[in-house]
PDB file of all heavy atoms in Angstrom:
ATOM      1  N   CYS A   1       0.818  -1.195   0.058  1.00  0.00           N
ATOM      2  CA  CYS A   1      -0.019   0.026  -0.012  1.00  0.00           C
ATOM      3  C   CYS A   1       0.924   1.195  -0.046  1.00  0.00           C
ATOM      4  O   CYS A   1       1.640   1.418   0.965  1.00  0.00           O
ATOM      5  CB  CYS A   1      -0.854  -0.004   1.202  1.00  0.00           C
ATOM      6  SG  CYS A   1      -1.931   1.446   1.436  1.00  0.00           S
ATOM      7  N   ALA A   2       0.821   2.000  -1.068  1.00  0.00           N
ATOM      8  CA  ALA A   2       1.661   3.128  -1.186  1.00  0.00           C
ATOM      9  C   ALA A   2       0.847   4.399  -1.166  1.00  0.00           C
ATOM     10  O   ALA A   2       0.122   4.664  -2.184  1.00  0.00           O
ATOM     11  CB  ALA A   2       2.432   3.044  -2.587  1.00  0.00           C
ATOM     12  N   PRO A   3       0.934   5.161  -0.136  1.00  0.00           N
ATOM     13  CA  PRO A   3       0.186   6.378  -0.103  1.00  0.00           C
ATOM     14  C   PRO A   3       0.782   7.559  -0.922  1.00  0.00           C
ATOM     15  O   PRO A   3       2.045   7.430  -1.268  1.00  0.00           O
ATOM     16  CB  PRO A   3       0.300   6.825   1.434  1.00  0.00           C
ATOM     17  CG  PRO A   3       0.825   5.610   2.076  1.00  0.00           C
ATOM     18  CD  PRO A   3       1.556   4.806   1.221  1.00  0.00           C
ATOM     19  N   SER A   4       0.028   8.315  -1.492  1.00  0.00           N
ATOM     20  CA  SER A   4       0.449   9.418  -2.223  1.00  0.00           C
ATOM     21  C   SER A   4      -0.174  10.754  -1.727  1.00  0.00           C
ATOM     22  O   SER A   4      -1.101  10.648  -0.878  1.00  0.00           O
ATOM     23  CB  SER A   4       0.144   9.273  -3.765  1.00  0.00           C
ATOM     24  OG  SER A   4      -1.268   9.152  -3.883  1.00  0.00           O
ATOM     25  N   GLY A   5       0.325  11.812  -2.136  1.00  0.00           N
ATOM     26  CA  GLY A   5      -0.116  13.167  -1.637  1.00  0.00           C
ATOM     27  C   GLY A   5       0.564  13.331  -0.275  1.00  0.00           C
ATOM     28  O   GLY A   5       1.790  13.078  -0.131  1.00  0.00           O
ATOM     29  N   ARG A   6      -0.201  13.939   0.647  1.00  0.00           N
ATOM     30  CA  ARG A   6       0.377  14.313   1.968  1.00  0.00           C
ATOM     31  C   ARG A   6       0.807  12.997   2.667  1.00  0.00           C
ATOM     32  O   ARG A   6       0.092  12.045   2.628  1.00  0.00           O
ATOM     33  CB  ARG A   6      -0.728  15.041   2.738  1.00  0.00           C
ATOM     34  CG  ARG A   6      -0.118  15.655   4.092  1.00  0.00           C
ATOM     35  CD  ARG A   6      -1.236  16.286   4.914  1.00  0.00           C
ATOM     36  NE  ARG A   6      -1.784  15.301   5.773  1.00  0.00           N
ATOM     37  CZ  ARG A   6      -2.977  14.627   5.739  1.00  0.00           C
ATOM     38  NH1 ARG A   6      -3.801  15.075   4.716  1.00  0.00           N
ATOM     39  NH2 ARG A   6      -3.401  13.830   6.560  1.00  0.00           N
ATOM     40  N   THR A   7       1.911  13.152   3.319  1.00  0.00           N
ATOM     41  CA  THR A   7       2.507  12.030   3.993  1.00  0.00           C
ATOM     42  C   THR A   7       1.529  11.534   5.172  1.00  0.00           C
ATOM     43  O   THR A   7       1.009  12.422   5.855  1.00  0.00           O
ATOM     44  CB  THR A   7       3.854  12.251   4.500  1.00  0.00           C
ATOM     45  OG1 THR A   7       4.368  11.127   5.263  1.00  0.00           O
ATOM     46  CG2 THR A   7       3.880  13.393   5.392  1.00  0.00           C
ATOM     47  N   ILE A   8       1.462  10.281   5.328  1.00  0.00           N
ATOM     48  CA  ILE A   8       0.682   9.790   6.407  1.00  0.00           C
ATOM     49  C   ILE A   8       1.447   8.814   7.292  1.00  0.00           C
ATOM     50  O   ILE A   8       0.925   7.959   7.979  1.00  0.00           O
ATOM     51  CB  ILE A   8      -0.661   9.134   5.872  1.00  0.00           C
ATOM     52  CG1 ILE A   8      -0.269   7.948   4.978  1.00  0.00           C
ATOM     53  CG2 ILE A   8      -1.601  10.106   5.311  1.00  0.00           C
ATOM     54  CD1 ILE A   8      -1.491   7.155   4.487  1.00  0.00           C
ATOM     55  N   SER A   9       2.731   8.861   7.218  1.00  0.00           N
ATOM     56  CA  SER A   9       3.595   7.937   7.934  1.00  0.00           C
ATOM     57  C   SER A   9       3.520   8.155   9.361  1.00  0.00           C
ATOM     58  O   SER A   9       3.891   7.226  10.165  1.00  0.00           O
ATOM     59  CB  SER A   9       5.015   8.120   7.434  1.00  0.00           C
ATOM     60  OG  SER A   9       5.463   9.499   7.706  1.00  0.00           O
ATOM     61  N   SER A  10       2.958   9.189   9.874  1.00  0.00           N
ATOM     62  CA  SER A  10       2.817   9.430  11.272  1.00  0.00           C
ATOM     63  C   SER A  10       1.561   8.809  11.927  1.00  0.00           C
ATOM     64  O   SER A  10       1.355   8.861  13.152  1.00  0.00           O
ATOM     65  CB  SER A  10       2.835  10.922  11.700  1.00  0.00           C
ATOM     66  OG  SER A  10       1.851  11.570  11.055  1.00  0.00           O
ATOM     67  N   TYR A  11       0.795   8.218  11.078  1.00  0.00           N
ATOM     68  CA  TYR A  11      -0.538   7.708  11.509  1.00  0.00           C
ATOM     69  C   TYR A  11      -0.458   6.098  11.478  1.00  0.00           C
ATOM     70  O   TYR A  11       0.318   5.508  10.721  1.00  0.00           O
ATOM     71  CB  TYR A  11      -1.623   8.123  10.594  1.00  0.00           C
ATOM     72  CG  TYR A  11      -1.830   9.627  10.687  1.00  0.00           C
ATOM     73  CD1 TYR A  11      -1.388  10.413   9.620  1.00  0.00           C
ATOM     74  CD2 TYR A  11      -2.437  10.240  11.812  1.00  0.00           C
ATOM     75  CE1 TYR A  11      -1.588  11.805   9.705  1.00  0.00           C
ATOM     76  CE2 TYR A  11      -2.489  11.627  11.843  1.00  0.00           C
ATOM     77  CZ  TYR A  11      -2.171  12.457  10.784  1.00  0.00           C
ATOM     78  OH  TYR A  11      -2.333  13.772  10.749  1.00  0.00           O
ATOM     79  N   ALA A  12      -1.281   5.548  12.250  1.00  0.00           N
ATOM     80  CA  ALA A  12      -1.468   4.110  12.123  1.00  0.00           C
ATOM     81  C   ALA A  12      -2.049   3.668  10.782  1.00  0.00           C
ATOM     82  O   ALA A  12      -2.877   4.474  10.159  1.00  0.00           O
ATOM     83  CB  ALA A  12      -2.385   3.571  13.256  1.00  0.00           C
ATOM     84  N   MET A  13      -1.797   2.507  10.353  1.00  0.00           N
ATOM     85  CA  MET A  13      -2.288   1.957   9.070  1.00  0.00           C
ATOM     86  C   MET A  13      -2.906   0.593   9.284  1.00  0.00           C
ATOM     87  O   MET A  13      -2.468  -0.064  10.217  1.00  0.00           O
ATOM     88  CB  MET A  13      -1.130   1.808   8.071  1.00  0.00           C
ATOM     89  CG  MET A  13      -0.437   3.165   7.719  1.00  0.00           C
ATOM     90  SD  MET A  13      -1.573   4.221   6.647  1.00  0.00           S
ATOM     91  CE  MET A  13      -1.626   3.344   5.167  1.00  0.00           C
ATOM     92  N   GLY A  14      -3.871   0.309   8.511  1.00  0.00           N
ATOM     93  CA  GLY A  14      -4.496  -0.970   8.665  1.00  0.00           C
ATOM     94  C   GLY A  14      -4.871  -1.624   7.313  1.00  0.00           C
ATOM     95  O   GLY A  14      -4.830  -0.938   6.257  1.00  0.00           O
ATOM     96  N   TRP A  15      -5.211  -2.900   7.413  1.00  0.00           N
ATOM     97  CA  TRP A  15      -5.643  -3.596   6.263  1.00  0.00           C
ATOM     98  C   TRP A  15      -7.112  -4.231   6.650  1.00  0.00           C
ATOM     99  O   TRP A  15      -7.235  -4.729   7.778  1.00  0.00           O
ATOM    100  CB  TRP A  15      -4.752  -4.762   5.883  1.00  0.00           C
ATOM    101  CG  TRP A  15      -3.445  -4.435   5.231  1.00  0.00           C
ATOM    102  CD1 TRP A  15      -2.301  -4.111   5.741  1.00  0.00           C
ATOM    103  CD2 TRP A  15      -3.309  -4.117   3.720  1.00  0.00           C
ATOM    104  NE1 TRP A  15      -1.362  -3.756   4.743  1.00  0.00           N
ATOM    105  CE2 TRP A  15      -2.024  -3.728   3.552  1.00  0.00           C
ATOM    106  CE3 TRP A  15      -4.190  -4.219   2.714  1.00  0.00           C
ATOM    107  CZ2 TRP A  15      -1.599  -3.496   2.273  1.00  0.00           C
ATOM    108  CZ3 TRP A  15      -3.628  -3.987   1.375  1.00  0.00           C
ATOM    109  CH2 TRP A  15      -2.358  -3.582   1.281  1.00  0.00           C
ATOM    110  N   PHE A  16      -7.979  -4.122   5.722  1.00  0.00           N
ATOM    111  CA  PHE A  16      -9.263  -4.716   5.838  1.00  0.00           C
ATOM    112  C   PHE A  16      -9.565  -5.535   4.658  1.00  0.00           C
ATOM    113  O   PHE A  16      -8.874  -5.307   3.599  1.00  0.00           O
ATOM    114  CB  PHE A  16     -10.300  -3.663   6.023  1.00  0.00           C
ATOM    115  CG  PHE A  16     -10.324  -2.949   7.361  1.00  0.00           C
ATOM    116  CD1 PHE A  16      -9.339  -1.954   7.628  1.00  0.00           C
ATOM    117  CD2 PHE A  16     -11.245  -3.285   8.412  1.00  0.00           C
ATOM    118  CE1 PHE A  16      -9.290  -1.300   8.862  1.00  0.00           C
ATOM    119  CE2 PHE A  16     -11.177  -2.650   9.609  1.00  0.00           C
ATOM    120  CZ  PHE A  16     -10.232  -1.598   9.841  1.00  0.00           C
ATOM    121  N   ARG A  17     -10.519  -6.362   4.704  1.00  0.00           N
ATOM    122  CA  ARG A  17     -10.946  -7.165   3.506  1.00  0.00           C
ATOM    123  C   ARG A  17     -12.465  -7.292   3.499  1.00  0.00           C
ATOM    124  O   ARG A  17     -13.167  -7.284   4.556  1.00  0.00           O
ATOM    125  CB  ARG A  17     -10.318  -8.465   3.523  1.00  0.00           C
ATOM    126  CG  ARG A  17     -10.670  -9.486   4.613  1.00  0.00           C
ATOM    127  CD  ARG A  17      -9.831 -10.671   4.580  1.00  0.00           C
ATOM    128  NE  ARG A  17     -10.250 -11.674   5.614  1.00  0.00           N
ATOM    129  CZ  ARG A  17      -9.591 -12.806   5.863  1.00  0.00           C
ATOM    130  NH1 ARG A  17      -8.513 -13.061   5.212  1.00  0.00           N
ATOM    131  NH2 ARG A  17     -10.034 -13.634   6.771  1.00  0.00           N
ATOM    132  N   GLN A  18     -13.009  -7.449   2.353  1.00  0.00           N
ATOM    133  CA  GLN A  18     -14.420  -7.705   2.262  1.00  0.00           C
ATOM    134  C   GLN A  18     -14.644  -8.668   1.118  1.00  0.00           C
ATOM    135  O   GLN A  18     -14.322  -8.560   0.007  1.00  0.00           O
ATOM    136  CB  GLN A  18     -15.107  -6.353   1.852  1.00  0.00           C
ATOM    137  CG  GLN A  18     -16.595  -6.412   1.911  1.00  0.00           C
ATOM    138  CD  GLN A  18     -17.191  -5.070   1.960  1.00  0.00           C
ATOM    139  OE1 GLN A  18     -16.636  -4.008   1.579  1.00  0.00           O
ATOM    140  NE2 GLN A  18     -18.410  -4.948   2.512  1.00  0.00           N
ATOM    141  N   ALA A  19     -15.309  -9.772   1.506  1.00  0.00           N
ATOM    142  CA  ALA A  19     -15.742 -10.793   0.593  1.00  0.00           C
ATOM    143  C   ALA A  19     -17.205 -10.488   0.209  1.00  0.00           C
ATOM    144  O   ALA A  19     -17.968  -9.847   0.820  1.00  0.00           O
ATOM    145  CB  ALA A  19     -15.720 -12.117   1.239  1.00  0.00           C
ATOM    146  N   PRO A  20     -17.654 -11.054  -0.959  1.00  0.00           N
ATOM    147  CA  PRO A  20     -18.989 -10.836  -1.425  1.00  0.00           C
ATOM    148  C   PRO A  20     -20.077 -11.225  -0.388  1.00  0.00           C
ATOM    149  O   PRO A  20     -19.978 -12.336   0.175  1.00  0.00           O
ATOM    150  CB  PRO A  20     -19.083 -11.686  -2.663  1.00  0.00           C
ATOM    151  CG  PRO A  20     -17.717 -11.753  -3.118  1.00  0.00           C
ATOM    152  CD  PRO A  20     -16.836 -11.864  -1.919  1.00  0.00           C
ATOM    153  N   GLY A  21     -20.963 -10.366  -0.097  1.00  0.00           N
ATOM    154  CA  GLY A  21     -22.049 -10.656   0.873  1.00  0.00           C
ATOM    155  C   GLY A  21     -21.653 -10.565   2.351  1.00  0.00           C
ATOM    156  O   GLY A  21     -22.423 -10.877   3.207  1.00  0.00           O
ATOM    157  N   LYS A  22     -20.434 -10.111   2.627  1.00  0.00           N
ATOM    158  CA  LYS A  22     -19.962  -9.974   3.947  1.00  0.00           C
ATOM    159  C   LYS A  22     -19.505  -8.611   4.289  1.00  0.00           C
ATOM    160  O   LYS A  22     -19.308  -7.805   3.440  1.00  0.00           O
ATOM    161  CB  LYS A  22     -18.802 -10.962   4.168  1.00  0.00           C
ATOM    162  CG  LYS A  22     -19.023 -12.467   4.071  1.00  0.00           C
ATOM    163  CD  LYS A  22     -17.883 -13.301   4.473  1.00  0.00           C
ATOM    164  CE  LYS A  22     -18.215 -14.827   4.389  1.00  0.00           C
ATOM    165  NZ  LYS A  22     -17.063 -15.629   4.811  1.00  0.00           N
ATOM    166  N   GLU A  23     -19.477  -8.431   5.553  1.00  0.00           N
ATOM    167  CA  GLU A  23     -19.114  -7.045   6.050  1.00  0.00           C
ATOM    168  C   GLU A  23     -17.585  -6.883   5.916  1.00  0.00           C
ATOM    169  O   GLU A  23     -16.853  -7.864   5.763  1.00  0.00           O
ATOM    170  CB  GLU A  23     -19.487  -6.856   7.606  1.00  0.00           C
ATOM    171  CG  GLU A  23     -21.004  -6.946   7.862  1.00  0.00           C
ATOM    172  CD  GLU A  23     -21.215  -6.767   9.308  1.00  0.00           C
ATOM    173  OE1 GLU A  23     -20.301  -6.785  10.161  1.00  0.00           O
ATOM    174  OE2 GLU A  23     -22.464  -6.665   9.619  1.00  0.00           O
ATOM    175  N   ARG A  24     -17.125  -5.682   5.860  1.00  0.00           N
ATOM    176  CA  ARG A  24     -15.715  -5.442   5.837  1.00  0.00           C
ATOM    177  C   ARG A  24     -15.089  -5.886   7.189  1.00  0.00           C
ATOM    178  O   ARG A  24     -15.512  -5.552   8.221  1.00  0.00           O
ATOM    179  CB  ARG A  24     -15.428  -3.917   5.640  1.00  0.00           C
ATOM    180  CG  ARG A  24     -14.046  -3.604   5.351  1.00  0.00           C
ATOM    181  CD  ARG A  24     -13.830  -2.316   4.708  1.00  0.00           C
ATOM    182  NE  ARG A  24     -14.431  -2.155   3.387  1.00  0.00           N
ATOM    183  CZ  ARG A  24     -14.303  -1.196   2.499  1.00  0.00           C
ATOM    184  NH1 ARG A  24     -13.586  -0.202   2.854  1.00  0.00           N
ATOM    185  NH2 ARG A  24     -14.971  -1.205   1.313  1.00  0.00           N
ATOM    186  N   GLU A  25     -14.018  -6.704   6.956  1.00  0.00           N
ATOM    187  CA  GLU A  25     -13.423  -7.308   8.109  1.00  0.00           C
ATOM    188  C   GLU A  25     -12.019  -6.790   8.422  1.00  0.00           C
ATOM    189  O   GLU A  25     -11.278  -6.607   7.507  1.00  0.00           O
ATOM    190  CB  GLU A  25     -13.405  -8.861   7.876  1.00  0.00           C
ATOM    191  CG  GLU A  25     -12.694  -9.654   8.927  1.00  0.00           C
ATOM    192  CD  GLU A  25     -12.428 -11.082   8.536  1.00  0.00           C
ATOM    193  OE1 GLU A  25     -12.526 -11.388   7.335  1.00  0.00           O
ATOM    194  OE2 GLU A  25     -12.180 -11.939   9.432  1.00  0.00           O
ATOM    195  N   PHE A  26     -11.738  -6.599   9.680  1.00  0.00           N
ATOM    196  CA  PHE A  26     -10.460  -6.156  10.081  1.00  0.00           C
ATOM    197  C   PHE A  26      -9.446  -7.266   9.793  1.00  0.00           C
ATOM    198  O   PHE A  26      -9.671  -8.432  10.249  1.00  0.00           O
ATOM    199  CB  PHE A  26     -10.443  -5.716  11.508  1.00  0.00           C
ATOM    200  CG  PHE A  26      -9.012  -5.458  12.100  1.00  0.00           C
ATOM    201  CD1 PHE A  26      -8.361  -4.375  11.693  1.00  0.00           C
ATOM    202  CD2 PHE A  26      -8.480  -6.279  12.900  1.00  0.00           C
ATOM    203  CE1 PHE A  26      -7.063  -4.102  12.208  1.00  0.00           C
ATOM    204  CE2 PHE A  26      -7.135  -6.147  13.430  1.00  0.00           C
ATOM    205  CZ  PHE A  26      -6.528  -5.084  13.162  1.00  0.00           C
ATOM    206  N   VAL A  27      -8.331  -6.964   9.317  1.00  0.00           N
ATOM    207  CA  VAL A  27      -7.278  -7.950   9.056  1.00  0.00           C
ATOM    208  C   VAL A  27      -6.004  -7.664   9.911  1.00  0.00           C
ATOM    209  O   VAL A  27      -5.562  -8.527  10.612  1.00  0.00           O
ATOM    210  CB  VAL A  27      -6.800  -7.927   7.582  1.00  0.00           C
ATOM    211  CG1 VAL A  27      -5.629  -8.853   7.358  1.00  0.00           C
ATOM    212  CG2 VAL A  27      -7.928  -8.322   6.687  1.00  0.00           C
ATOM    213  N   ALA A  28      -5.449  -6.468   9.840  1.00  0.00           N
ATOM    214  CA  ALA A  28      -4.251  -6.100  10.527  1.00  0.00           C
ATOM    215  C   ALA A  28      -4.083  -4.624  10.614  1.00  0.00           C
ATOM    216  O   ALA A  28      -4.579  -3.891   9.806  1.00  0.00           O
ATOM    217  CB  ALA A  28      -3.028  -6.810   9.909  1.00  0.00           C
ATOM    218  N   ALA A  29      -3.395  -4.167  11.664  1.00  0.00           N
ATOM    219  CA  ALA A  29      -3.072  -2.852  11.717  1.00  0.00           C
ATOM    220  C   ALA A  29      -1.646  -2.618  12.399  1.00  0.00           C
ATOM    221  O   ALA A  29      -1.188  -3.571  13.073  1.00  0.00           O
ATOM    222  CB  ALA A  29      -4.125  -2.057  12.675  1.00  0.00           C
ATOM    223  N   ILE A  30      -1.088  -1.473  12.145  1.00  0.00           N
ATOM    224  CA  ILE A  30       0.239  -1.220  12.654  1.00  0.00           C
ATOM    225  C   ILE A  30       0.275   0.277  13.091  1.00  0.00           C
ATOM    226  O   ILE A  30      -0.289   1.115  12.409  1.00  0.00           O
ATOM    227  CB  ILE A  30       1.324  -1.463  11.608  1.00  0.00           C
ATOM    228  CG1 ILE A  30       2.741  -1.410  12.251  1.00  0.00           C
ATOM    229  CG2 ILE A  30       1.189  -0.587  10.415  1.00  0.00           C
ATOM    230  CD1 ILE A  30       3.733  -1.988  11.275  1.00  0.00           C
ATOM    231  N   SER A  31       1.029   0.514  14.225  1.00  0.00           N
ATOM    232  CA  SER A  31       1.124   1.904  14.704  1.00  0.00           C
ATOM    233  C   SER A  31       1.955   2.806  13.753  1.00  0.00           C
ATOM    234  O   SER A  31       2.725   2.235  12.871  1.00  0.00           O
ATOM    235  CB  SER A  31       1.767   1.815  16.087  1.00  0.00           C
ATOM    236  OG  SER A  31       3.078   1.332  16.120  1.00  0.00           O
ATOM    237  N   TRP A  32       1.999   4.021  14.045  1.00  0.00           N
ATOM    238  CA  TRP A  32       2.703   4.973  13.307  1.00  0.00           C
ATOM    239  C   TRP A  32       4.197   4.648  13.314  1.00  0.00           C
ATOM    240  O   TRP A  32       4.950   4.862  12.299  1.00  0.00           O
ATOM    241  CB  TRP A  32       2.468   6.316  13.652  1.00  0.00           C
ATOM    242  CG  TRP A  32       3.041   6.709  15.057  1.00  0.00           C
ATOM    243  CD1 TRP A  32       2.444   6.567  16.226  1.00  0.00           C
ATOM    244  CD2 TRP A  32       4.365   7.264  15.301  1.00  0.00           C
ATOM    245  NE1 TRP A  32       3.383   6.918  17.223  1.00  0.00           N
ATOM    246  CE2 TRP A  32       4.486   7.404  16.592  1.00  0.00           C
ATOM    247  CE3 TRP A  32       5.445   7.616  14.417  1.00  0.00           C
ATOM    248  CZ2 TRP A  32       5.734   7.929  17.305  1.00  0.00           C
ATOM    249  CZ3 TRP A  32       6.525   8.162  15.018  1.00  0.00           C
ATOM    250  CH2 TRP A  32       6.689   8.268  16.417  1.00  0.00           C
ATOM    251  N   SER A  33       4.693   4.205  14.403  1.00  0.00           N
ATOM    252  CA  SER A  33       6.118   3.878  14.520  1.00  0.00           C
ATOM    253  C   SER A  33       6.486   2.477  14.108  1.00  0.00           C
ATOM    254  O   SER A  33       7.630   2.162  13.978  1.00  0.00           O
ATOM    255  CB  SER A  33       6.462   4.003  16.097  1.00  0.00           C
ATOM    256  OG  SER A  33       5.812   3.016  16.873  1.00  0.00           O
ATOM    257  N   GLY A  34       5.484   1.659  13.885  1.00  0.00           N
ATOM    258  CA  GLY A  34       5.739   0.306  13.504  1.00  0.00           C
ATOM    259  C   GLY A  34       6.047  -0.619  14.635  1.00  0.00           C
ATOM    260  O   GLY A  34       6.260  -1.840  14.463  1.00  0.00           O
ATOM    261  N   ASP A  35       6.024  -0.122  15.792  1.00  0.00           N
ATOM    262  CA  ASP A  35       6.331  -0.937  16.980  1.00  0.00           C
ATOM    263  C   ASP A  35       5.173  -1.813  17.500  1.00  0.00           C
ATOM    264  O   ASP A  35       5.494  -2.797  18.247  1.00  0.00           O
ATOM    265  CB  ASP A  35       6.808  -0.044  18.166  1.00  0.00           C
ATOM    266  CG  ASP A  35       8.125   0.705  17.806  1.00  0.00           C
ATOM    267  OD1 ASP A  35       8.923   0.177  17.037  1.00  0.00           O
ATOM    268  OD2 ASP A  35       8.281   1.820  18.348  1.00  0.00           O
ATOM    269  N   SER A  36       4.061  -1.465  17.145  1.00  0.00           N
ATOM    270  CA  SER A  36       2.853  -2.197  17.594  1.00  0.00           C
ATOM    271  C   SER A  36       1.960  -2.681  16.442  1.00  0.00           C
ATOM    272  O   SER A  36       1.742  -1.912  15.527  1.00  0.00           O
ATOM    273  CB  SER A  36       2.049  -1.294  18.558  1.00  0.00           C
ATOM    274  OG  SER A  36       0.851  -1.998  19.017  1.00  0.00           O
ATOM    275  N   THR A  37       1.565  -3.988  16.510  1.00  0.00           N
ATOM    276  CA  THR A  37       0.778  -4.501  15.515  1.00  0.00           C
ATOM    277  C   THR A  37      -0.397  -5.237  16.123  1.00  0.00           C
ATOM    278  O   THR A  37      -0.353  -5.595  17.324  1.00  0.00           O
ATOM    279  CB  THR A  37       1.573  -5.500  14.609  1.00  0.00           C
ATOM    280  OG1 THR A  37       2.123  -6.478  15.394  1.00  0.00           O
ATOM    281  CG2 THR A  37       2.687  -4.759  13.852  1.00  0.00           C
ATOM    282  N   TYR A  38      -1.443  -5.411  15.360  1.00  0.00           N
ATOM    283  CA  TYR A  38      -2.645  -5.975  15.807  1.00  0.00           C
ATOM    284  C   TYR A  38      -3.270  -6.785  14.590  1.00  0.00           C
ATOM    285  O   TYR A  38      -3.344  -6.245  13.564  1.00  0.00           O
ATOM    286  CB  TYR A  38      -3.607  -4.994  16.364  1.00  0.00           C
ATOM    287  CG  TYR A  38      -4.843  -5.495  16.986  1.00  0.00           C
ATOM    288  CD1 TYR A  38      -4.889  -6.534  17.827  1.00  0.00           C
ATOM    289  CD2 TYR A  38      -6.123  -4.881  16.617  1.00  0.00           C
ATOM    290  CE1 TYR A  38      -6.040  -7.018  18.432  1.00  0.00           C
ATOM    291  CE2 TYR A  38      -7.250  -5.343  17.149  1.00  0.00           C
ATOM    292  CZ  TYR A  38      -7.293  -6.432  18.048  1.00  0.00           C
ATOM    293  OH  TYR A  38      -8.438  -6.817  18.567  1.00  0.00           O
ATOM    294  N   TYR A  39      -3.806  -8.021  14.909  1.00  0.00           N
ATOM    295  CA  TYR A  39      -4.312  -8.859  13.829  1.00  0.00           C
ATOM    296  C   TYR A  39      -5.684  -9.398  14.209  1.00  0.00           C
ATOM    297  O   TYR A  39      -6.057  -9.643  15.399  1.00  0.00           O
ATOM    298  CB  TYR A  39      -3.418 -10.064  13.631  1.00  0.00           C
ATOM    299  CG  TYR A  39      -1.980  -9.675  13.145  1.00  0.00           C
ATOM    300  CD1 TYR A  39      -0.891  -9.409  14.058  1.00  0.00           C
ATOM    301  CD2 TYR A  39      -1.733  -9.488  11.852  1.00  0.00           C
ATOM    302  CE1 TYR A  39       0.320  -9.060  13.654  1.00  0.00           C
ATOM    303  CE2 TYR A  39      -0.534  -9.076  11.376  1.00  0.00           C
ATOM    304  CZ  TYR A  39       0.488  -8.950  12.246  1.00  0.00           C
ATOM    305  OH  TYR A  39       1.775  -8.478  11.846  1.00  0.00           O
ATOM    306  N   GLY A  40      -6.459  -9.459  13.217  1.00  0.00           N
ATOM    307  CA  GLY A  40      -7.726 -10.206  13.342  1.00  0.00           C
ATOM    308  C   GLY A  40      -7.477 -11.670  13.657  1.00  0.00           C
ATOM    309  O   GLY A  40      -6.548 -12.340  13.233  1.00  0.00           O
ATOM    310  N   ASN A  41      -8.410 -12.265  14.328  1.00  0.00           N
ATOM    311  CA  ASN A  41      -8.248 -13.634  14.783  1.00  0.00           C
ATOM    312  C   ASN A  41      -8.097 -14.605  13.604  1.00  0.00           C
ATOM    313  O   ASN A  41      -7.372 -15.654  13.718  1.00  0.00           O
ATOM    314  CB  ASN A  41      -9.441 -14.048  15.612  1.00  0.00           C
ATOM    315  CG  ASN A  41      -9.439 -13.429  16.963  1.00  0.00           C
ATOM    316  OD1 ASN A  41      -8.413 -13.084  17.556  1.00  0.00           O
ATOM    317  ND2 ASN A  41     -10.658 -13.238  17.510  1.00  0.00           N
ATOM    318  N   SER A  42      -8.757 -14.352  12.550  1.00  0.00           N
ATOM    319  CA  SER A  42      -8.715 -15.167  11.388  1.00  0.00           C
ATOM    320  C   SER A  42      -7.377 -15.262  10.650  1.00  0.00           C
ATOM    321  O   SER A  42      -7.173 -16.171   9.847  1.00  0.00           O
ATOM    322  CB  SER A  42      -9.818 -14.840  10.386  1.00  0.00           C
ATOM    323  OG  SER A  42      -9.677 -13.545   9.788  1.00  0.00           O
ATOM    324  N   VAL A  43      -6.491 -14.299  10.966  1.00  0.00           N
ATOM    325  CA  VAL A  43      -5.246 -14.246  10.268  1.00  0.00           C
ATOM    326  C   VAL A  43      -4.017 -14.326  11.077  1.00  0.00           C
ATOM    327  O   VAL A  43      -2.905 -14.350  10.572  1.00  0.00           O
ATOM    328  CB  VAL A  43      -5.138 -12.906   9.380  1.00  0.00           C
ATOM    329  CG1 VAL A  43      -6.323 -12.924   8.375  1.00  0.00           C
ATOM    330  CG2 VAL A  43      -5.121 -11.682  10.191  1.00  0.00           C
TER     331      VAL A  43
END
């Protein structure tokens, strides 16, 4: 995931996914520093 425009490196980033007929599901997230991560149970 490559951001463009204004830098957003100081913010947390996340990944979500959505399958047909399902709600958008949290996959993973990472803090602005990269020191903290969080994952959905399924992954």
